[in-house]
Amino acid sequence: LLFTPVGQSALRRFTADAFAHVQSLDAMWLGGQSTGELSRVFARGMRGMNALLRLVVFNIGPTLLETALALWLLGRRYGGAFLAVSLATVSAFVGWSLLVVQRRGGLLF
């Protein structure tokens, strides 16, 4: 509920920028394109932006927040040494996970 207005605003801004870009294109080029093709490109862009926003807002953002709060709590309760070990462990796990995903599918970077 909190992030819905932000997501909708970003999608509106993306759509307005894309529309302004299409209007700035050469009229001869636009005349050679079918209306349905441009509509499909817009729809695909909107779906992609929506998927990206949902991924960040509902998956990555909460995970980062939860990790930060857990690390903060561990550091506060058990001291700086425990916090350093916990942070190193989480960082190593994230790095290893990214490496495995990159090597298996070539999806990142």
N, C-alpha and C. Protein backbone atom coordinates (compact mmCIF):
# COMPACT_ATOMS: atom_id res chain seq x y z
N LEU A 1 0.83 -1.20 0.00
CA LEU A 1 0.00 0.00 0.00
C LEU A 1 0.87 1.26 0.00
N LEU A 2 1.98 1.19 0.69
CA LEU A 2 2.86 2.35 0.78
C LEU A 2 3.58 2.61 -0.54
N PHE A 3 3.99 1.54 -1.23
CA PHE A 3 4.79 1.69 -2.43
C PHE A 3 3.96 1.81 -3.70
N THR A 4 2.67 1.61 -3.64
CA THR A 4 1.83 1.66 -4.82
C THR A 4 1.88 3.02 -5.51
N PRO A 5 1.73 4.14 -4.80
CA PRO A 5 1.81 5.44 -5.48
C PRO A 5 3.17 5.68 -6.14
N VAL A 6 4.25 5.22 -5.51
CA VAL A 6 5.58 5.40 -6.08
C VAL A 6 5.71 4.61 -7.37
N GLY A 7 5.25 3.35 -7.34
CA GLY A 7 5.31 2.51 -8.53
C GLY A 7 4.47 3.06 -9.67
N GLN A 8 3.27 3.52 -9.35
CA GLN A 8 2.41 4.07 -10.37
C GLN A 8 2.98 5.36 -10.96
N SER A 9 3.59 6.16 -10.11
CA SER A 9 4.21 7.40 -10.60
C SER A 9 5.37 7.08 -11.53
N ALA A 10 6.18 6.09 -11.18
CA ALA A 10 7.31 5.71 -12.05
C ALA A 10 6.80 5.17 -13.38
N LEU A 11 5.74 4.38 -13.36
CA LEU A 11 5.19 3.86 -14.61
C LEU A 11 4.60 4.97 -15.47
N ARG A 12 3.94 5.93 -14.84
CA ARG A 12 3.41 7.07 -15.59
C ARG A 12 4.53 7.88 -16.23
N ARG A 13 5.59 8.11 -15.47
CA ARG A 13 6.73 8.86 -15.99
C ARG A 13 7.39 8.11 -17.15
N PHE A 14 7.55 6.79 -17.01
CA PHE A 14 8.13 5.98 -18.08
C PHE A 14 7.27 6.06 -19.34
N THR A 15 5.96 5.94 -19.17
CA THR A 15 5.05 6.00 -20.32
C THR A 15 5.11 7.36 -20.99
N ALA A 16 5.11 8.42 -20.20
CA ALA A 16 5.17 9.77 -20.76
C ALA A 16 6.48 9.99 -21.51
N ASP A 17 7.59 9.52 -20.94
CA ASP A 17 8.88 9.67 -21.62
C ASP A 17 8.92 8.87 -22.92
N ALA A 18 8.39 7.66 -22.89
CA ALA A 18 8.37 6.83 -24.10
C ALA A 18 7.49 7.46 -25.17
N PHE A 19 6.35 7.99 -24.77
CA PHE A 19 5.45 8.63 -25.72
C PHE A 19 6.10 9.87 -26.32
N ALA A 20 6.78 10.65 -25.48
CA ALA A 20 7.47 11.85 -25.99
C ALA A 20 8.58 11.45 -26.96
N HIS A 21 9.25 10.35 -26.68
CA HIS A 21 10.30 9.88 -27.58
C HIS A 21 9.71 9.48 -28.94
N VAL A 22 8.58 8.77 -28.91
CA VAL A 22 7.94 8.35 -30.17
C VAL A 22 7.51 9.57 -30.96
N GLN A 23 7.00 10.59 -30.28
CA GLN A 23 6.58 11.79 -30.98
C GLN A 23 7.76 12.54 -31.59
N SER A 24 8.95 12.37 -31.04
CA SER A 24 10.11 13.07 -31.58
C SER A 24 10.75 12.33 -32.75
N LEU A 25 10.29 11.11 -33.04
CA LEU A 25 10.87 10.33 -34.13
C LEU A 25 10.46 10.89 -35.49
N ASP A 26 11.20 10.52 -36.50
CA ASP A 26 10.94 10.97 -37.86
C ASP A 26 9.57 10.46 -38.34
N ALA A 27 8.82 11.33 -38.99
CA ALA A 27 7.48 10.96 -39.45
C ALA A 27 7.52 9.85 -40.50
N MET A 28 8.54 9.85 -41.34
CA MET A 28 8.66 8.80 -42.36
C MET A 28 8.88 7.44 -41.71
N TRP A 29 9.69 7.39 -40.66
CA TRP A 29 9.92 6.13 -39.98
C TRP A 29 8.64 5.65 -39.31
N LEU A 30 7.95 6.59 -38.65
CA LEU A 30 6.70 6.22 -37.98
C LEU A 30 5.67 5.74 -38.98
N GLY A 31 5.64 6.33 -40.16
CA GLY A 31 4.69 5.92 -41.19
C GLY A 31 4.94 4.51 -41.68
N GLY A 32 6.17 4.05 -41.58
CA GLY A 32 6.51 2.70 -42.01
C GLY A 32 6.22 1.64 -40.96
N GLN A 33 5.90 2.06 -39.74
CA GLN A 33 5.63 1.12 -38.66
C GLN A 33 4.12 0.90 -38.53
N SER A 34 3.77 -0.31 -38.15
CA SER A 34 2.34 -0.56 -37.93
C SER A 34 1.95 -0.08 -36.54
N THR A 35 0.72 0.36 -36.39
CA THR A 35 0.22 0.85 -35.11
C THR A 35 0.26 -0.25 -34.06
N GLY A 36 -0.07 -1.45 -34.45
CA GLY A 36 -0.06 -2.56 -33.50
C GLY A 36 1.32 -2.87 -32.99
N GLU A 37 2.33 -2.68 -33.83
CA GLU A 37 3.71 -2.95 -33.41
C GLU A 37 4.13 -1.97 -32.32
N LEU A 38 3.84 -0.69 -32.50
CA LEU A 38 4.17 0.30 -31.49
C LEU A 38 3.41 0.04 -30.19
N SER A 39 2.17 -0.35 -30.32
CA SER A 39 1.37 -0.66 -29.13
C SER A 39 1.96 -1.84 -28.37
N ARG A 40 2.42 -2.85 -29.09
CA ARG A 40 3.05 -4.02 -28.43
C ARG A 40 4.33 -3.63 -27.72
N VAL A 41 5.11 -2.74 -28.34
CA VAL A 41 6.36 -2.30 -27.72
C VAL A 41 6.07 -1.54 -26.43
N PHE A 42 5.07 -0.66 -26.46
CA PHE A 42 4.68 0.05 -25.24
C PHE A 42 4.22 -0.91 -24.16
N ALA A 43 3.38 -1.86 -24.53
CA ALA A 43 2.86 -2.82 -23.55
C ALA A 43 3.99 -3.66 -22.96
N ARG A 44 4.92 -4.07 -23.79
CA ARG A 44 6.05 -4.87 -23.31
C ARG A 44 6.90 -4.05 -22.34
N GLY A 45 7.12 -2.79 -22.66
CA GLY A 45 7.89 -1.92 -21.76
C GLY A 45 7.19 -1.72 -20.43
N MET A 46 5.89 -1.54 -20.47
CA MET A 46 5.13 -1.37 -19.23
C MET A 46 5.19 -2.64 -18.37
N ARG A 47 5.04 -3.79 -19.00
CA ARG A 47 5.11 -5.05 -18.24
C ARG A 47 6.50 -5.24 -17.64
N GLY A 48 7.53 -4.89 -18.39
CA GLY A 48 8.89 -5.02 -17.88
C GLY A 48 9.15 -4.10 -16.70
N MET A 49 8.72 -2.86 -16.81
CA MET A 49 8.89 -1.92 -15.69
C MET A 49 8.11 -2.37 -14.47
N ASN A 50 6.89 -2.84 -14.69
CA ASN A 50 6.06 -3.31 -13.59
C ASN A 50 6.71 -4.51 -12.89
N ALA A 51 7.24 -5.44 -13.67
CA ALA A 51 7.90 -6.61 -13.08
C ALA A 51 9.14 -6.20 -12.30
N LEU A 52 9.90 -5.26 -12.84
CA LEU A 52 11.10 -4.79 -12.15
C LEU A 52 10.76 -4.10 -10.84
N LEU A 53 9.76 -3.24 -10.86
CA LEU A 53 9.34 -2.57 -9.63
C LEU A 53 8.83 -3.55 -8.59
N ARG A 54 8.05 -4.53 -9.02
CA ARG A 54 7.55 -5.54 -8.08
C ARG A 54 8.70 -6.35 -7.48
N LEU A 55 9.69 -6.69 -8.29
CA LEU A 55 10.84 -7.44 -7.79
C LEU A 55 11.57 -6.65 -6.72
N VAL A 56 11.83 -5.39 -7.00
CA VAL A 56 12.58 -4.57 -6.05
C VAL A 56 11.76 -4.30 -4.79
N VAL A 57 10.49 -3.92 -4.96
CA VAL A 57 9.67 -3.51 -3.82
C VAL A 57 9.27 -4.69 -2.94
N PHE A 58 8.95 -5.82 -3.53
CA PHE A 58 8.41 -6.92 -2.73
C PHE A 58 9.41 -8.04 -2.45
N ASN A 59 10.57 -8.07 -3.12
CA ASN A 59 11.52 -9.13 -2.87
C ASN A 59 12.85 -8.59 -2.34
N ILE A 60 13.50 -7.78 -3.13
CA ILE A 60 14.84 -7.32 -2.76
C ILE A 60 14.81 -6.33 -1.60
N GLY A 61 13.93 -5.35 -1.67
CA GLY A 61 13.84 -4.34 -0.61
C GLY A 61 13.59 -4.92 0.77
N PRO A 62 12.54 -5.73 0.95
CA PRO A 62 12.29 -6.31 2.27
C PRO A 62 13.42 -7.23 2.75
N THR A 63 14.06 -7.95 1.83
CA THR A 63 15.16 -8.82 2.22
C THR A 63 16.34 -8.00 2.74
N LEU A 64 16.66 -6.91 2.05
CA LEU A 64 17.74 -6.05 2.51
C LEU A 64 17.41 -5.40 3.86
N LEU A 65 16.17 -4.96 4.02
CA LEU A 65 15.75 -4.37 5.28
C LEU A 65 15.83 -5.38 6.42
N GLU A 66 15.34 -6.58 6.20
CA GLU A 66 15.38 -7.62 7.23
C GLU A 66 16.82 -7.99 7.59
N THR A 67 17.68 -8.10 6.59
CA THR A 67 19.09 -8.42 6.85
C THR A 67 19.75 -7.31 7.65
N ALA A 68 19.50 -6.06 7.27
CA ALA A 68 20.09 -4.93 7.99
C ALA A 68 19.61 -4.89 9.44
N LEU A 69 18.32 -5.12 9.65
CA LEU A 69 17.80 -5.11 11.03
C LEU A 69 18.36 -6.26 11.85
N ALA A 70 18.49 -7.44 11.25
CA ALA A 70 19.05 -8.59 11.97
C ALA A 70 20.51 -8.34 12.32
N LEU A 71 21.28 -7.81 11.38
CA LEU A 71 22.68 -7.51 11.66
C LEU A 71 22.81 -6.44 12.73
N TRP A 72 21.98 -5.43 12.66
CA TRP A 72 22.01 -4.38 13.68
C TRP A 72 21.70 -4.96 15.05
N LEU A 73 20.69 -5.81 15.13
CA LEU A 73 20.31 -6.42 16.41
C LEU A 73 21.41 -7.32 16.94
N LEU A 74 22.02 -8.12 16.07
CA LEU A 74 23.12 -8.98 16.50
C LEU A 74 24.30 -8.15 17.00
N GLY A 75 24.62 -7.08 16.28
CA GLY A 75 25.72 -6.22 16.71
C GLY A 75 25.44 -5.52 18.03
N ARG A 76 24.23 -5.10 18.20
CA ARG A 76 23.87 -4.38 19.43
C ARG A 76 23.85 -5.33 20.63
N ARG A 77 23.35 -6.52 20.40
CA ARG A 77 23.20 -7.46 21.52
C ARG A 77 24.49 -8.21 21.86
N TYR A 78 25.29 -8.57 20.83
CA TYR A 78 26.45 -9.42 21.07
C TYR A 78 27.78 -8.75 20.78
N GLY A 79 27.77 -7.51 20.32
CA GLY A 79 29.02 -6.80 20.16
C GLY A 79 29.51 -6.71 18.72
N GLY A 80 30.54 -5.90 18.56
CA GLY A 80 31.07 -5.61 17.23
C GLY A 80 31.72 -6.79 16.54
N ALA A 81 32.38 -7.66 17.32
CA ALA A 81 33.03 -8.83 16.72
C ALA A 81 32.00 -9.76 16.10
N PHE A 82 30.92 -9.98 16.81
CA PHE A 82 29.85 -10.84 16.29
C PHE A 82 29.21 -10.21 15.05
N LEU A 83 29.04 -8.90 15.08
CA LEU A 83 28.49 -8.18 13.93
C LEU A 83 29.41 -8.34 12.71
N ALA A 84 30.73 -8.20 12.91
CA ALA A 84 31.68 -8.32 11.81
C ALA A 84 31.65 -9.72 11.20
N VAL A 85 31.60 -10.75 12.05
CA VAL A 85 31.54 -12.12 11.55
C VAL A 85 30.23 -12.35 10.81
N SER A 86 29.13 -11.86 11.35
CA SER A 86 27.83 -12.02 10.69
C SER A 86 27.79 -11.30 9.35
N LEU A 87 28.31 -10.09 9.30
CA LEU A 87 28.34 -9.32 8.05
C LEU A 87 29.23 -10.01 7.02
N ALA A 88 30.38 -10.53 7.45
CA ALA A 88 31.26 -11.25 6.53
C ALA A 88 30.58 -12.50 5.99
N THR A 89 29.84 -13.20 6.85
CA THR A 89 29.15 -14.42 6.42
C THR A 89 28.06 -14.10 5.41
N VAL A 90 27.26 -13.10 5.68
CA VAL A 90 26.19 -12.71 4.76
C VAL A 90 26.79 -12.22 3.44
N SER A 91 27.85 -11.43 3.50
CA SER A 91 28.49 -10.93 2.28
C SER A 91 29.07 -12.08 1.46
N ALA A 92 29.70 -13.04 2.12
CA ALA A 92 30.26 -14.19 1.41
C ALA A 92 29.15 -15.01 0.75
N PHE A 93 28.04 -15.18 1.44
CA PHE A 93 26.92 -15.93 0.88
C PHE A 93 26.34 -15.22 -0.35
N VAL A 94 26.15 -13.93 -0.26
CA VAL A 94 25.61 -13.18 -1.40
C VAL A 94 26.58 -13.23 -2.58
N GLY A 95 27.86 -13.04 -2.31
CA GLY A 95 28.85 -13.12 -3.38
C GLY A 95 28.89 -14.49 -4.04
N TRP A 96 28.87 -15.53 -3.23
CA TRP A 96 28.88 -16.91 -3.75
C TRP A 96 27.61 -17.17 -4.57
N SER A 97 26.47 -16.73 -4.08
CA SER A 97 25.21 -16.94 -4.80
C SER A 97 25.23 -16.24 -6.15
N LEU A 98 25.70 -15.00 -6.19
CA LEU A 98 25.79 -14.28 -7.46
C LEU A 98 26.75 -14.96 -8.42
N LEU A 99 27.86 -15.46 -7.91
CA LEU A 99 28.82 -16.16 -8.76
C LEU A 99 28.21 -17.42 -9.36
N VAL A 100 27.49 -18.19 -8.55
CA VAL A 100 26.87 -19.42 -9.03
C VAL A 100 25.80 -19.11 -10.08
N VAL A 101 24.99 -18.11 -9.83
CA VAL A 101 23.94 -17.75 -10.79
C VAL A 101 24.57 -17.28 -12.10
N GLN A 102 25.62 -16.48 -12.00
CA GLN A 102 26.28 -15.96 -13.20
C GLN A 102 26.91 -17.09 -14.00
N ARG A 103 27.54 -18.02 -13.35
CA ARG A 103 28.20 -19.12 -14.06
C ARG A 103 27.20 -20.09 -14.65
N ARG A 104 26.08 -20.31 -13.99
CA ARG A 104 25.10 -21.28 -14.48
C ARG A 104 24.29 -20.76 -15.65
N GLY A 105 23.90 -19.53 -15.60
CA GLY A 105 23.01 -19.05 -16.66
C GLY A 105 23.49 -17.84 -17.39
N GLY A 106 24.55 -17.21 -16.93
CA GLY A 106 25.00 -16.00 -17.58
C GLY A 106 23.96 -14.90 -17.50
N LEU A 107 23.18 -14.86 -16.43
CA LEU A 107 22.08 -13.91 -16.33
C LEU A 107 22.50 -12.57 -15.78
N LEU A 108 23.55 -12.53 -15.01
CA LEU A 108 23.94 -11.28 -14.36
C LEU A 108 25.22 -10.73 -14.99
N PHE A 109 25.31 -9.45 -15.02
CA PHE A 109 26.49 -8.73 -15.47
C PHE A 109 26.74 -9.11 -16.88
